[in-house]
Structures are given as structure tokens and as C-alpha cells.
Amino acid sequence: MLVVRQAVVGPFAENTWLVADSETGDALVIDPGGDNDRVLGLAQPGFRVGRILATHGHADHIFGAEELREKTGAPFQIHSADEPFVRALPRQAAGLGLGAARSPQVSSFLADGEAVRVGRHEGTVLHTPGHSPGGVSLFFPVEKVLFTGDTLFAGSVGRTDLPGGNAPELLRSIRERLFPLGDDVRFFPGHGPGGTLGEERRANPYAGDDAPRGRFL
């Protein structure tokens, strides 16, 4: 069984996710935003964190990445288009009042279509830019589980007024890459509660079927 556990961390209430295989004990951490004692507590009992993945490079999603990498020995991955955010993490964190931060060491860069294995389960990296140039989502097709970072929220979408944001790209990512995955797919975002893609396709006021097509964020 694919296990999904959540820790809400930091002053921006960022969702850090632990994704694990209940039989093999292999686990992945998505968006290590800090409070790593709590994050590692999600792995108890019996899970081993073997990979750390960021959906994008904003400070609230990678603030705890280097410490978690050191504590677990797991490689850290992010899309190459967000590498500038990784290098700028100390400055990002200071500007947001998060405190001192170290830029995480990137083991390798994520690519669109790349397979991500968690024990017996296999996910696929989807490049979903718009909130940031290197934003990605992670989709487990067999389990119909999707991690959207800050691309798609329940009843909303990621902001595009930050450096590198692009509203038309964000809407294309949602409408052309995420919604076609299926109405019954459950999604787990970077902030707030999740839901199903069908609910968002029908009713999301920014990206849903009835949203004005010329409306940019």
C-alpha cells in the first residue's frame, strides 16, 4: 500500500509529505520545509527515507532540505530551472524571516517524465511550470495520487507574481497536464487541504471549466 503522511511546517503552513511503501519500508519526502524532527517522526515506525524531492525552489518548500539530507543520507532532487532558487536560499529565507538556511546539495535534477520509485510503487515527474519555472508535480498513476506543490490548490491555484511566475504557463500546466490525469485522481498540494481533480476541473474559479479563459493571475 502507498502510505501518505503530512506535516504542516513553518510560518507559511507548508505541507511536507512522506510517501512510503507499507511493505518494503521505502519512503520519499516531498518539500522539506523545516521542522525535521516532526518530518522524520512521520517515518516512524519502520520507514526509511531514501529520497528527498522538491516540487519547486521557494524557501518555504526547501528550508529544511540540507539538514534532512544530512540526517538521512538521502539524495535531494529538484528541477534544474529552479536551481537559482536553491542557490539563493539563504537570501530567500532571510527575506521571509525564516532564519538562517543553507542551500541544499542537489544530487541530480528532475526531468519531465522521469520515473520515481518508492518501493514497489512508481510515480512520474510532470513539469508543471507557472508558479516557478521549474515547478513539478509527482503522479502515481496506479494509486491515482498526485502531489501538486504550489501549482494547484483546493479552490485556488499558485500565485504567479513572484520572480519567475507566469500565469498563462500555470493555467496550461493545470488544464493540459493535470486535469487530463482523471477526475478521480486525489491531489495533495503544498498548502491547505487536497481534493480530487474532478472537483477542481468543474469548480476551480481560476482554472476550472467555467473559469474565464482570458483570466490571468
N, C-alpha and C. Protein backbone atom coordinates (compact mmCIF):
# COMPACT_ATOMS: atom_id res chain seq x y z
N MET A 1 0.84 -1.19 0.00
CA MET A 1 0.00 0.00 0.00
C MET A 1 0.88 1.25 0.00
N LEU A 2 0.46 2.27 -0.74
CA LEU A 2 1.15 3.54 -0.73
C LEU A 2 0.63 4.36 0.46
N VAL A 3 1.53 4.69 1.36
CA VAL A 3 1.19 5.45 2.57
C VAL A 3 1.52 6.92 2.34
N VAL A 4 0.60 7.81 2.67
CA VAL A 4 0.82 9.25 2.56
C VAL A 4 0.61 9.88 3.93
N ARG A 5 1.65 10.57 4.44
CA ARG A 5 1.55 11.25 5.72
C ARG A 5 1.98 12.70 5.55
N GLN A 6 1.43 13.56 6.39
CA GLN A 6 1.58 15.01 6.23
C GLN A 6 2.08 15.66 7.51
N ALA A 7 3.01 16.61 7.34
CA ALA A 7 3.38 17.52 8.43
C ALA A 7 3.24 18.94 7.91
N VAL A 8 2.51 19.78 8.63
CA VAL A 8 2.36 21.18 8.26
C VAL A 8 3.43 21.94 9.03
N VAL A 9 4.36 22.58 8.28
CA VAL A 9 5.54 23.15 8.92
C VAL A 9 5.71 24.62 8.56
N GLY A 10 6.39 25.35 9.43
CA GLY A 10 6.81 26.71 9.15
C GLY A 10 5.70 27.73 9.24
N PRO A 11 6.07 29.01 9.20
CA PRO A 11 5.09 30.10 9.35
C PRO A 11 4.14 30.22 8.17
N PHE A 12 4.45 29.58 7.03
CA PHE A 12 3.56 29.63 5.87
C PHE A 12 2.69 28.38 5.76
N ALA A 13 2.67 27.57 6.83
CA ALA A 13 1.83 26.36 6.88
C ALA A 13 2.02 25.52 5.62
N GLU A 14 3.28 25.21 5.33
CA GLU A 14 3.63 24.41 4.15
C GLU A 14 3.44 22.93 4.44
N ASN A 15 2.92 22.21 3.46
CA ASN A 15 2.72 20.77 3.61
C ASN A 15 3.97 20.02 3.17
N THR A 16 4.59 19.33 4.11
CA THR A 16 5.65 18.37 3.79
C THR A 16 5.02 16.99 3.80
N TRP A 17 5.30 16.21 2.75
CA TRP A 17 4.68 14.89 2.59
C TRP A 17 5.70 13.78 2.71
N LEU A 18 5.33 12.74 3.43
CA LEU A 18 6.07 11.48 3.42
C LEU A 18 5.25 10.49 2.61
N VAL A 19 5.87 9.89 1.62
CA VAL A 19 5.22 8.90 0.77
C VAL A 19 6.01 7.60 0.94
N ALA A 20 5.34 6.51 1.31
CA ALA A 20 6.07 5.30 1.66
C ALA A 20 5.34 4.05 1.18
N ASP A 21 6.11 3.00 1.03
CA ASP A 21 5.59 1.67 0.70
C ASP A 21 5.44 0.89 2.00
N SER A 22 4.22 0.50 2.33
CA SER A 22 3.96 -0.15 3.61
C SER A 22 4.64 -1.50 3.73
N GLU A 23 4.97 -2.13 2.60
CA GLU A 23 5.58 -3.46 2.66
C GLU A 23 7.09 -3.41 2.67
N THR A 24 7.71 -2.56 1.84
CA THR A 24 9.17 -2.52 1.78
C THR A 24 9.77 -1.56 2.79
N GLY A 25 9.00 -0.58 3.25
CA GLY A 25 9.52 0.42 4.17
C GLY A 25 10.24 1.58 3.50
N ASP A 26 10.34 1.56 2.17
CA ASP A 26 10.99 2.65 1.46
C ASP A 26 10.11 3.90 1.51
N ALA A 27 10.75 5.08 1.63
CA ALA A 27 9.99 6.31 1.77
C ALA A 27 10.66 7.46 1.03
N LEU A 28 9.85 8.42 0.65
CA LEU A 28 10.25 9.64 -0.04
C LEU A 28 9.68 10.82 0.73
N VAL A 29 10.45 11.89 0.87
CA VAL A 29 9.94 13.13 1.45
C VAL A 29 9.81 14.15 0.34
N ILE A 30 8.65 14.79 0.28
CA ILE A 30 8.37 15.84 -0.71
C ILE A 30 8.27 17.18 0.01
N ASP A 31 9.04 18.15 -0.44
CA ASP A 31 9.00 19.54 0.04
C ASP A 31 9.36 19.66 1.52
N PRO A 32 10.64 19.46 1.83
CA PRO A 32 11.09 19.54 3.23
C PRO A 32 11.21 20.99 3.71
N GLY A 33 10.13 21.52 4.23
CA GLY A 33 10.07 22.93 4.59
C GLY A 33 10.62 23.28 5.96
N GLY A 34 11.12 22.29 6.69
CA GLY A 34 11.66 22.55 8.02
C GLY A 34 11.03 21.64 9.06
N ASP A 35 11.36 21.90 10.35
CA ASP A 35 10.85 21.10 11.47
C ASP A 35 11.11 19.62 11.19
N ASN A 36 12.38 19.29 10.95
CA ASN A 36 12.72 17.95 10.51
C ASN A 36 12.51 16.87 11.56
N ASP A 37 12.50 17.24 12.84
CA ASP A 37 12.18 16.22 13.85
C ASP A 37 10.77 15.69 13.62
N ARG A 38 9.83 16.60 13.33
CA ARG A 38 8.46 16.16 13.04
C ARG A 38 8.40 15.39 11.73
N VAL A 39 9.13 15.87 10.73
CA VAL A 39 9.12 15.19 9.44
C VAL A 39 9.66 13.77 9.58
N LEU A 40 10.76 13.62 10.30
CA LEU A 40 11.31 12.28 10.50
C LEU A 40 10.39 11.43 11.37
N GLY A 41 9.62 12.10 12.23
CA GLY A 41 8.64 11.36 13.02
C GLY A 41 7.58 10.70 12.15
N LEU A 42 7.31 11.27 10.97
CA LEU A 42 6.35 10.65 10.06
C LEU A 42 6.84 9.28 9.59
N ALA A 43 8.16 9.10 9.60
CA ALA A 43 8.73 7.84 9.12
C ALA A 43 8.71 6.74 10.16
N GLN A 44 8.22 7.05 11.35
CA GLN A 44 8.18 6.05 12.41
C GLN A 44 6.79 5.44 12.54
N PRO A 45 6.73 4.14 12.79
CA PRO A 45 7.86 3.21 12.84
C PRO A 45 8.11 2.55 11.49
N GLY A 46 9.36 2.28 11.23
CA GLY A 46 9.70 1.34 10.18
C GLY A 46 9.94 1.83 8.78
N PHE A 47 9.84 3.16 8.52
CA PHE A 47 10.10 3.65 7.17
C PHE A 47 11.51 4.25 7.08
N ARG A 48 12.14 4.12 5.93
CA ARG A 48 13.48 4.65 5.68
C ARG A 48 13.41 5.67 4.55
N VAL A 49 13.80 6.90 4.84
CA VAL A 49 13.78 7.95 3.83
C VAL A 49 14.96 7.76 2.88
N GLY A 50 14.65 7.43 1.63
CA GLY A 50 15.69 7.17 0.65
C GLY A 50 15.79 8.22 -0.43
N ARG A 51 14.92 9.23 -0.39
CA ARG A 51 14.93 10.24 -1.45
C ARG A 51 14.20 11.47 -0.93
N ILE A 52 14.69 12.65 -1.33
CA ILE A 52 14.07 13.92 -0.97
C ILE A 52 13.84 14.69 -2.27
N LEU A 53 12.62 15.13 -2.47
CA LEU A 53 12.24 15.78 -3.72
C LEU A 53 11.53 17.08 -3.41
N ALA A 54 11.86 18.13 -4.18
CA ALA A 54 11.17 19.41 -4.03
C ALA A 54 10.34 19.68 -5.27
N THR A 55 9.09 20.09 -5.07
CA THR A 55 8.25 20.44 -6.22
C THR A 55 8.67 21.76 -6.84
N HIS A 56 9.34 22.61 -6.06
CA HIS A 56 9.90 23.86 -6.58
C HIS A 56 10.84 24.43 -5.54
N GLY A 57 11.50 25.56 -5.88
CA GLY A 57 12.59 26.02 -5.06
C GLY A 57 12.30 27.16 -4.12
N HIS A 58 11.05 27.49 -3.85
CA HIS A 58 10.77 28.56 -2.92
C HIS A 58 11.16 28.15 -1.50
N ALA A 59 11.57 29.13 -0.72
CA ALA A 59 12.20 28.85 0.57
C ALA A 59 11.33 28.03 1.51
N ASP A 60 10.02 28.27 1.49
CA ASP A 60 9.17 27.54 2.43
C ASP A 60 9.07 26.06 2.08
N HIS A 61 9.52 25.67 0.89
CA HIS A 61 9.46 24.26 0.48
C HIS A 61 10.80 23.55 0.57
N ILE A 62 11.90 24.30 0.71
CA ILE A 62 13.22 23.66 0.77
C ILE A 62 14.04 24.11 1.98
N PHE A 63 13.43 24.85 2.89
CA PHE A 63 14.17 25.39 4.03
C PHE A 63 14.89 24.29 4.82
N GLY A 64 14.26 23.14 4.98
CA GLY A 64 14.86 22.07 5.77
C GLY A 64 15.60 21.03 4.96
N ALA A 65 15.79 21.26 3.67
CA ALA A 65 16.30 20.21 2.79
C ALA A 65 17.72 19.76 3.13
N GLU A 66 18.63 20.71 3.38
CA GLU A 66 20.02 20.32 3.61
C GLU A 66 20.16 19.56 4.92
N GLU A 67 19.49 20.03 5.96
CA GLU A 67 19.55 19.30 7.24
C GLU A 67 18.96 17.91 7.10
N LEU A 68 17.85 17.79 6.40
CA LEU A 68 17.24 16.47 6.22
C LEU A 68 18.14 15.56 5.39
N ARG A 69 18.78 16.12 4.38
CA ARG A 69 19.71 15.34 3.56
C ARG A 69 20.85 14.80 4.41
N GLU A 70 21.38 15.64 5.30
CA GLU A 70 22.48 15.21 6.16
C GLU A 70 22.03 14.16 7.17
N LYS A 71 20.83 14.31 7.70
CA LYS A 71 20.35 13.37 8.71
C LYS A 71 20.01 12.00 8.13
N THR A 72 19.56 11.97 6.88
CA THR A 72 19.10 10.70 6.30
C THR A 72 20.09 10.10 5.30
N GLY A 73 20.98 10.94 4.75
CA GLY A 73 21.85 10.48 3.67
C GLY A 73 21.14 10.34 2.34
N ALA A 74 19.89 10.78 2.27
CA ALA A 74 19.10 10.64 1.05
C ALA A 74 19.44 11.75 0.06
N PRO A 75 19.46 11.46 -1.23
CA PRO A 75 19.73 12.49 -2.23
C PRO A 75 18.56 13.47 -2.34
N PHE A 76 18.92 14.72 -2.65
CA PHE A 76 17.93 15.78 -2.83
C PHE A 76 17.84 16.10 -4.31
N GLN A 77 16.60 16.23 -4.83
CA GLN A 77 16.38 16.49 -6.25
C GLN A 77 15.38 17.62 -6.44
N ILE A 78 15.59 18.37 -7.53
CA ILE A 78 14.72 19.47 -7.90
C ILE A 78 14.90 19.67 -9.41
N HIS A 79 13.98 20.36 -10.05
CA HIS A 79 14.12 20.64 -11.48
C HIS A 79 15.21 21.70 -11.69
N SER A 80 15.99 21.55 -12.75
CA SER A 80 17.12 22.44 -12.98
C SER A 80 16.70 23.91 -13.14
N ALA A 81 15.50 24.16 -13.64
CA ALA A 81 15.05 25.54 -13.84
C ALA A 81 14.88 26.28 -12.53
N ASP A 82 14.79 25.57 -11.42
CA ASP A 82 14.68 26.21 -10.11
C ASP A 82 15.99 26.20 -9.33
N GLU A 83 17.08 25.81 -9.99
CA GLU A 83 18.38 25.84 -9.30
C GLU A 83 18.73 27.23 -8.78
N PRO A 84 18.40 28.32 -9.50
CA PRO A 84 18.72 29.63 -8.93
C PRO A 84 18.06 29.88 -7.57
N PHE A 85 16.87 29.35 -7.35
CA PHE A 85 16.23 29.50 -6.04
C PHE A 85 17.00 28.72 -4.97
N VAL A 86 17.53 27.56 -5.35
CA VAL A 86 18.31 26.77 -4.40
C VAL A 86 19.56 27.55 -3.98
N ARG A 87 20.26 28.12 -4.95
CA ARG A 87 21.47 28.88 -4.63
C ARG A 87 21.14 30.11 -3.78
N ALA A 88 19.97 30.67 -4.00
CA ALA A 88 19.59 31.89 -3.29
C ALA A 88 18.86 31.60 -1.98
N LEU A 89 18.80 30.36 -1.54
CA LEU A 89 18.01 30.04 -0.36
C LEU A 89 18.39 30.86 0.87
N PRO A 90 19.66 31.06 1.20
CA PRO A 90 19.94 31.88 2.38
C PRO A 90 19.33 33.26 2.30
N ARG A 91 19.39 33.87 1.11
CA ARG A 91 18.81 35.20 0.93
C ARG A 91 17.29 35.14 0.96
N GLN A 92 16.71 34.11 0.32
CA GLN A 92 15.26 33.94 0.36
C GLN A 92 14.76 33.83 1.79
N ALA A 93 15.42 32.94 2.55
CA ALA A 93 14.97 32.65 3.92
C ALA A 93 15.08 33.89 4.80
N ALA A 94 16.18 34.63 4.64
CA ALA A 94 16.35 35.84 5.45
C ALA A 94 15.27 36.86 5.11
N GLY A 95 14.96 37.00 3.84
CA GLY A 95 13.95 37.97 3.43
C GLY A 95 12.56 37.64 3.93
N LEU A 96 12.30 36.36 4.14
CA LEU A 96 10.99 35.92 4.61
C LEU A 96 10.94 35.77 6.13
N GLY A 97 12.05 36.04 6.79
CA GLY A 97 12.09 35.91 8.24
C GLY A 97 12.13 34.48 8.74
N LEU A 98 12.61 33.56 7.89
CA LEU A 98 12.65 32.15 8.29
C LEU A 98 13.89 31.80 9.11
N GLY A 99 14.88 32.68 9.10
CA GLY A 99 16.11 32.39 9.83
C GLY A 99 17.21 31.92 8.89
N ALA A 100 18.33 31.52 9.48
CA ALA A 100 19.49 31.09 8.70
C ALA A 100 19.18 29.77 7.99
N ALA A 101 19.63 29.68 6.75
CA ALA A 101 19.41 28.46 5.96
C ALA A 101 20.63 28.20 5.09
N ARG A 102 20.88 26.93 4.83
CA ARG A 102 21.96 26.52 3.93
C ARG A 102 21.36 25.96 2.65
N SER A 103 21.91 26.33 1.53
CA SER A 103 21.44 25.79 0.26
C SER A 103 21.68 24.30 0.22
N PRO A 104 20.68 23.51 -0.14
CA PRO A 104 20.88 22.05 -0.17
C PRO A 104 21.76 21.63 -1.34
N GLN A 105 22.52 20.58 -1.11
CA GLN A 105 23.31 19.97 -2.17
C GLN A 105 22.38 19.16 -3.07
N VAL A 106 22.37 19.47 -4.35
CA VAL A 106 21.50 18.78 -5.29
C VAL A 106 22.23 17.56 -5.84
N SER A 107 21.62 16.40 -5.66
CA SER A 107 22.23 15.17 -6.17
C SER A 107 22.07 15.05 -7.68
N SER A 108 20.88 15.32 -8.16
CA SER A 108 20.60 15.30 -9.60
C SER A 108 19.32 16.09 -9.83
N PHE A 109 19.12 16.49 -11.09
CA PHE A 109 17.96 17.30 -11.43
C PHE A 109 16.84 16.43 -11.97
N LEU A 110 15.62 16.78 -11.59
CA LEU A 110 14.45 16.07 -12.06
C LEU A 110 14.14 16.44 -13.50
N ALA A 111 13.65 15.47 -14.26
CA ALA A 111 13.29 15.69 -15.65
C ALA A 111 11.85 15.30 -15.87
N ASP A 112 11.18 16.01 -16.77
CA ASP A 112 9.81 15.67 -17.12
C ASP A 112 9.74 14.23 -17.62
N GLY A 113 8.81 13.45 -17.07
CA GLY A 113 8.65 12.06 -17.46
C GLY A 113 9.52 11.09 -16.69
N GLU A 114 10.36 11.58 -15.82
CA GLU A 114 11.25 10.71 -15.04
C GLU A 114 10.44 9.83 -14.08
N ALA A 115 10.85 8.58 -13.96
CA ALA A 115 10.22 7.66 -13.02
C ALA A 115 10.82 7.83 -11.63
N VAL A 116 9.96 7.84 -10.63
CA VAL A 116 10.38 7.94 -9.23
C VAL A 116 9.79 6.75 -8.50
N ARG A 117 10.65 5.85 -8.06
CA ARG A 117 10.18 4.64 -7.39
C ARG A 117 10.20 4.83 -5.88
N VAL A 118 9.13 4.36 -5.23
CA VAL A 118 9.04 4.29 -3.77
C VAL A 118 8.68 2.84 -3.47
N GLY A 119 9.66 2.03 -3.20
CA GLY A 119 9.41 0.60 -3.02
C GLY A 119 8.85 -0.01 -4.29
N ARG A 120 7.66 -0.59 -4.20
CA ARG A 120 7.02 -1.23 -5.35
C ARG A 120 6.16 -0.26 -6.16
N HIS A 121 6.09 0.98 -5.74
CA HIS A 121 5.24 1.97 -6.38
C HIS A 121 6.07 2.89 -7.27
N GLU A 122 5.50 3.27 -8.39
CA GLU A 122 6.23 4.13 -9.32
C GLU A 122 5.44 5.39 -9.66
N GLY A 123 6.07 6.52 -9.43
CA GLY A 123 5.49 7.80 -9.80
C GLY A 123 6.19 8.37 -11.02
N THR A 124 5.59 9.40 -11.59
CA THR A 124 6.15 10.08 -12.76
C THR A 124 6.23 11.57 -12.48
N VAL A 125 7.38 12.15 -12.80
CA VAL A 125 7.57 13.59 -12.66
C VAL A 125 6.89 14.29 -13.83
N LEU A 126 6.09 15.30 -13.52
CA LEU A 126 5.44 16.13 -14.54
C LEU A 126 5.94 17.56 -14.36
N HIS A 127 6.56 18.11 -15.38
CA HIS A 127 6.99 19.51 -15.32
C HIS A 127 5.75 20.39 -15.44
N THR A 128 5.45 21.14 -14.40
CA THR A 128 4.25 21.98 -14.36
C THR A 128 4.64 23.41 -13.99
N PRO A 129 5.30 24.11 -14.90
CA PRO A 129 5.75 25.47 -14.59
C PRO A 129 4.60 26.45 -14.50
N GLY A 130 4.90 27.60 -13.97
CA GLY A 130 3.93 28.68 -13.85
C GLY A 130 4.07 29.38 -12.51
N HIS A 131 3.99 28.63 -11.43
CA HIS A 131 4.27 29.19 -10.11
C HIS A 131 5.75 29.50 -10.01
N SER A 132 6.56 28.64 -10.58
CA SER A 132 8.00 28.86 -10.74
C SER A 132 8.42 28.17 -12.03
N PRO A 133 9.57 28.54 -12.59
CA PRO A 133 9.97 27.94 -13.88
C PRO A 133 10.19 26.44 -13.81
N GLY A 134 10.65 25.95 -12.66
CA GLY A 134 10.95 24.53 -12.53
C GLY A 134 9.95 23.77 -11.70
N GLY A 135 8.75 24.28 -11.56
CA GLY A 135 7.74 23.57 -10.78
C GLY A 135 7.43 22.20 -11.36
N VAL A 136 7.32 21.22 -10.49
CA VAL A 136 6.95 19.87 -10.92
C VAL A 136 5.83 19.34 -10.03
N SER A 137 5.11 18.36 -10.57
CA SER A 137 4.15 17.57 -9.80
C SER A 137 4.60 16.12 -9.89
N LEU A 138 4.15 15.30 -8.96
CA LEU A 138 4.52 13.88 -8.94
C LEU A 138 3.25 13.05 -8.93
N PHE A 139 3.11 12.19 -9.94
CA PHE A 139 1.87 11.43 -10.14
C PHE A 139 2.14 9.94 -10.02
N PHE A 140 1.33 9.28 -9.17
CA PHE A 140 1.35 7.82 -9.04
C PHE A 140 0.10 7.30 -9.74
N PRO A 141 0.20 6.83 -10.97
CA PRO A 141 -0.99 6.51 -11.76
C PRO A 141 -1.78 5.32 -11.25
N VAL A 142 -1.11 4.30 -10.76
CA VAL A 142 -1.84 3.13 -10.28
C VAL A 142 -2.68 3.49 -9.06
N GLU A 143 -2.10 4.28 -8.17
CA GLU A 143 -2.80 4.66 -6.94
C GLU A 143 -3.70 5.88 -7.14
N LYS A 144 -3.55 6.56 -8.29
CA LYS A 144 -4.31 7.78 -8.60
C LYS A 144 -4.09 8.84 -7.52
N VAL A 145 -2.80 9.07 -7.25
CA VAL A 145 -2.37 10.03 -6.23
C VAL A 145 -1.42 11.02 -6.90
N LEU A 146 -1.63 12.31 -6.64
CA LEU A 146 -0.86 13.36 -7.28
C LEU A 146 -0.43 14.39 -6.25
N PHE A 147 0.84 14.76 -6.30
CA PHE A 147 1.37 15.82 -5.44
C PHE A 147 1.63 17.04 -6.33
N THR A 148 0.97 18.15 -6.02
CA THR A 148 0.95 19.30 -6.93
C THR A 148 1.82 20.47 -6.50
N GLY A 149 2.47 20.39 -5.34
CA GLY A 149 3.22 21.55 -4.88
C GLY A 149 2.32 22.77 -4.82
N ASP A 150 2.82 23.89 -5.36
CA ASP A 150 2.01 25.12 -5.35
C ASP A 150 1.41 25.40 -6.72
N THR A 151 1.26 24.39 -7.55
CA THR A 151 0.62 24.58 -8.85
C THR A 151 -0.89 24.65 -8.70
N LEU A 152 -1.46 23.69 -7.98
CA LEU A 152 -2.92 23.61 -7.83
C LEU A 152 -3.28 23.42 -6.37
N PHE A 153 -4.25 24.20 -5.91
CA PHE A 153 -4.79 24.08 -4.57
C PHE A 153 -6.28 23.76 -4.66
N ALA A 154 -6.86 23.37 -3.54
CA ALA A 154 -8.30 23.18 -3.48
C ALA A 154 -8.97 24.54 -3.58
N GLY A 155 -9.66 24.78 -4.68
CA GLY A 155 -10.35 26.04 -4.88
C GLY A 155 -9.47 27.20 -5.29
N SER A 156 -8.21 26.93 -5.61
CA SER A 156 -7.33 28.02 -5.98
C SER A 156 -6.16 27.46 -6.80
N VAL A 157 -5.23 28.35 -7.13
CA VAL A 157 -4.03 27.97 -7.87
C VAL A 157 -2.86 28.74 -7.28
N GLY A 158 -1.64 28.35 -7.66
CA GLY A 158 -0.46 29.03 -7.15
C GLY A 158 -0.35 30.46 -7.65
N ARG A 159 0.22 31.31 -6.84
CA ARG A 159 0.40 32.70 -7.23
C ARG A 159 1.48 32.79 -8.33
N THR A 160 1.39 33.83 -9.14
CA THR A 160 2.32 33.98 -10.25
C THR A 160 3.00 35.35 -10.23
N ASP A 161 2.91 36.06 -9.11
CA ASP A 161 3.50 37.39 -9.03
C ASP A 161 4.88 37.37 -8.40
N LEU A 162 5.43 36.19 -8.14
CA LEU A 162 6.78 36.06 -7.62
C LEU A 162 7.77 35.94 -8.78
N PRO A 163 9.06 36.15 -8.54
CA PRO A 163 10.03 36.04 -9.63
C PRO A 163 9.93 34.69 -10.34
N GLY A 164 9.87 34.74 -11.66
CA GLY A 164 9.77 33.51 -12.45
C GLY A 164 8.36 33.02 -12.65
N GLY A 165 7.37 33.66 -12.03
CA GLY A 165 5.99 33.24 -12.20
C GLY A 165 5.46 33.61 -13.57
N ASN A 166 4.52 32.79 -14.06
CA ASN A 166 3.97 33.02 -15.39
C ASN A 166 2.55 32.49 -15.40
N ALA A 167 1.56 33.39 -15.43
CA ALA A 167 0.17 32.98 -15.31
C ALA A 167 -0.31 32.10 -16.45
N PRO A 168 -0.07 32.45 -17.72
CA PRO A 168 -0.52 31.56 -18.79
C PRO A 168 0.10 30.17 -18.69
N GLU A 169 1.37 30.10 -18.32
CA GLU A 169 2.02 28.79 -18.17
C GLU A 169 1.36 27.98 -17.06
N LEU A 170 1.04 28.65 -15.96
CA LEU A 170 0.41 27.95 -14.83
C LEU A 170 -0.92 27.34 -15.26
N LEU A 171 -1.74 28.11 -15.94
CA LEU A 171 -3.04 27.59 -16.36
C LEU A 171 -2.89 26.46 -17.37
N ARG A 172 -1.90 26.57 -18.26
CA ARG A 172 -1.65 25.46 -19.19
C ARG A 172 -1.22 24.21 -18.44
N SER A 173 -0.36 24.38 -17.44
CA SER A 173 0.08 23.23 -16.65
C SER A 173 -1.10 22.52 -16.01
N ILE A 174 -2.02 23.29 -15.46
CA ILE A 174 -3.17 22.70 -14.78
C ILE A 174 -4.13 22.06 -15.78
N ARG A 175 -4.47 22.80 -16.81
CA ARG A 175 -5.50 22.33 -17.74
C ARG A 175 -5.00 21.25 -18.69
N GLU A 176 -3.74 21.32 -19.08
CA GLU A 176 -3.23 20.40 -20.10
C GLU A 176 -2.41 19.25 -19.53
N ARG A 177 -1.90 19.41 -18.30
CA ARG A 177 -1.07 18.35 -17.74
C ARG A 177 -1.73 17.65 -16.56
N LEU A 178 -2.44 18.41 -15.73
CA LEU A 178 -3.01 17.81 -14.52
C LEU A 178 -4.44 17.32 -14.74
N PHE A 179 -5.33 18.17 -15.20
CA PHE A 179 -6.73 17.75 -15.35
C PHE A 179 -6.89 16.50 -16.22
N PRO A 180 -6.12 16.33 -17.29
CA PRO A 180 -6.29 15.10 -18.10
C PRO A 180 -5.92 13.81 -17.39
N LEU A 181 -5.28 13.91 -16.21
CA LEU A 181 -4.92 12.69 -15.49
C LEU A 181 -6.13 11.92 -14.99
N GLY A 182 -7.28 12.61 -14.85
CA GLY A 182 -8.51 11.92 -14.45
C GLY A 182 -9.22 12.57 -13.30
N ASP A 183 -10.54 12.62 -13.38
CA ASP A 183 -11.34 13.27 -12.34
C ASP A 183 -11.21 12.60 -10.99
N ASP A 184 -10.91 11.29 -10.97
CA ASP A 184 -10.87 10.57 -9.70
C ASP A 184 -9.49 10.59 -9.05
N VAL A 185 -8.55 11.31 -9.63
CA VAL A 185 -7.22 11.42 -9.02
C VAL A 185 -7.30 12.32 -7.79
N ARG A 186 -6.73 11.84 -6.69
CA ARG A 186 -6.66 12.63 -5.47
C ARG A 186 -5.36 13.44 -5.49
N PHE A 187 -5.46 14.73 -5.19
CA PHE A 187 -4.23 15.54 -5.19
C PHE A 187 -3.93 16.08 -3.79
N PHE A 188 -2.63 16.22 -3.55
CA PHE A 188 -2.12 16.67 -2.26
C PHE A 188 -1.23 17.88 -2.53
N PRO A 189 -1.66 19.09 -2.15
CA PRO A 189 -0.95 20.32 -2.53
C PRO A 189 0.10 20.74 -1.51
N GLY A 190 0.78 21.85 -1.85
CA GLY A 190 1.82 22.37 -0.98
C GLY A 190 1.31 23.17 0.20
N HIS A 191 0.06 23.57 0.17
CA HIS A 191 -0.56 24.29 1.29
C HIS A 191 -2.04 23.92 1.32
N GLY A 192 -2.59 23.82 2.50
CA GLY A 192 -4.02 23.61 2.63
C GLY A 192 -4.45 22.19 2.32
N PRO A 193 -5.78 21.97 2.29
CA PRO A 193 -6.31 20.63 2.05
C PRO A 193 -6.22 20.25 0.59
N GLY A 194 -6.34 18.96 0.33
CA GLY A 194 -6.37 18.46 -1.03
C GLY A 194 -7.80 18.22 -1.49
N GLY A 195 -7.92 17.40 -2.52
CA GLY A 195 -9.23 17.09 -3.08
C GLY A 195 -9.07 16.19 -4.28
N THR A 196 -9.99 16.27 -5.21
CA THR A 196 -9.89 15.49 -6.44
C THR A 196 -9.77 16.44 -7.63
N LEU A 197 -9.14 15.94 -8.67
CA LEU A 197 -9.00 16.76 -9.87
C LEU A 197 -10.36 17.06 -10.49
N GLY A 198 -11.32 16.14 -10.36
CA GLY A 198 -12.64 16.38 -10.90
C GLY A 198 -13.31 17.57 -10.26
N GLU A 199 -13.18 17.68 -8.94
CA GLU A 199 -13.77 18.83 -8.25
C GLU A 199 -13.17 20.13 -8.75
N GLU A 200 -11.87 20.14 -8.94
CA GLU A 200 -11.21 21.36 -9.39
C GLU A 200 -11.52 21.65 -10.86
N ARG A 201 -11.58 20.63 -11.68
CA ARG A 201 -11.90 20.86 -13.10
C ARG A 201 -13.28 21.49 -13.24
N ARG A 202 -14.22 21.03 -12.40
CA ARG A 202 -15.58 21.54 -12.51
C ARG A 202 -15.75 22.91 -11.85
N ALA A 203 -15.05 23.15 -10.75
CA ALA A 203 -15.42 24.31 -9.92
C ALA A 203 -14.30 25.27 -9.58
N ASN A 204 -13.04 24.95 -9.91
CA ASN A 204 -11.96 25.87 -9.55
C ASN A 204 -12.19 27.22 -10.25
N PRO A 205 -12.27 28.32 -9.49
CA PRO A 205 -12.63 29.61 -10.09
C PRO A 205 -11.57 30.20 -11.01
N TYR A 206 -10.35 29.68 -10.95
CA TYR A 206 -9.27 30.20 -11.78
C TYR A 206 -8.95 29.30 -12.97
N ALA A 207 -9.08 28.00 -12.80
CA ALA A 207 -8.63 27.07 -13.84
C ALA A 207 -9.70 26.08 -14.27
N GLY A 208 -10.85 26.09 -13.64
CA GLY A 208 -11.89 25.11 -13.94
C GLY A 208 -12.61 25.38 -15.25
N ASP A 209 -13.54 24.50 -15.58
CA ASP A 209 -14.25 24.57 -16.85
C ASP A 209 -14.96 25.91 -17.05
N ASP A 210 -15.46 26.49 -15.97
CA ASP A 210 -16.24 27.72 -16.10
C ASP A 210 -15.42 28.98 -15.88
N ALA A 211 -14.10 28.82 -15.61
CA ALA A 211 -13.26 30.00 -15.38
C ALA A 211 -13.05 30.73 -16.70
N PRO A 212 -13.09 32.07 -16.68
CA PRO A 212 -12.86 32.84 -17.90
C PRO A 212 -11.50 32.49 -18.48
N ARG A 213 -11.43 32.16 -19.75
CA ARG A 213 -10.19 31.72 -20.37
C ARG A 213 -9.17 32.84 -20.50
N GLY A 214 -9.62 34.07 -20.44
CA GLY A 214 -8.66 35.16 -20.55
C GLY A 214 -8.19 35.68 -19.21
N ARG A 215 -8.56 34.98 -18.15
CA ARG A 215 -8.26 35.49 -16.81
C ARG A 215 -6.87 35.04 -16.37
N PHE A 216 -5.97 35.99 -16.21
CA PHE A 216 -4.62 35.66 -15.77
C PHE A 216 -4.45 36.12 -14.34
N LEU A 217 -3.53 35.48 -13.65
CA LEU A 217 -3.43 35.67 -12.19
C LEU A 217 -2.39 36.73 -11.86
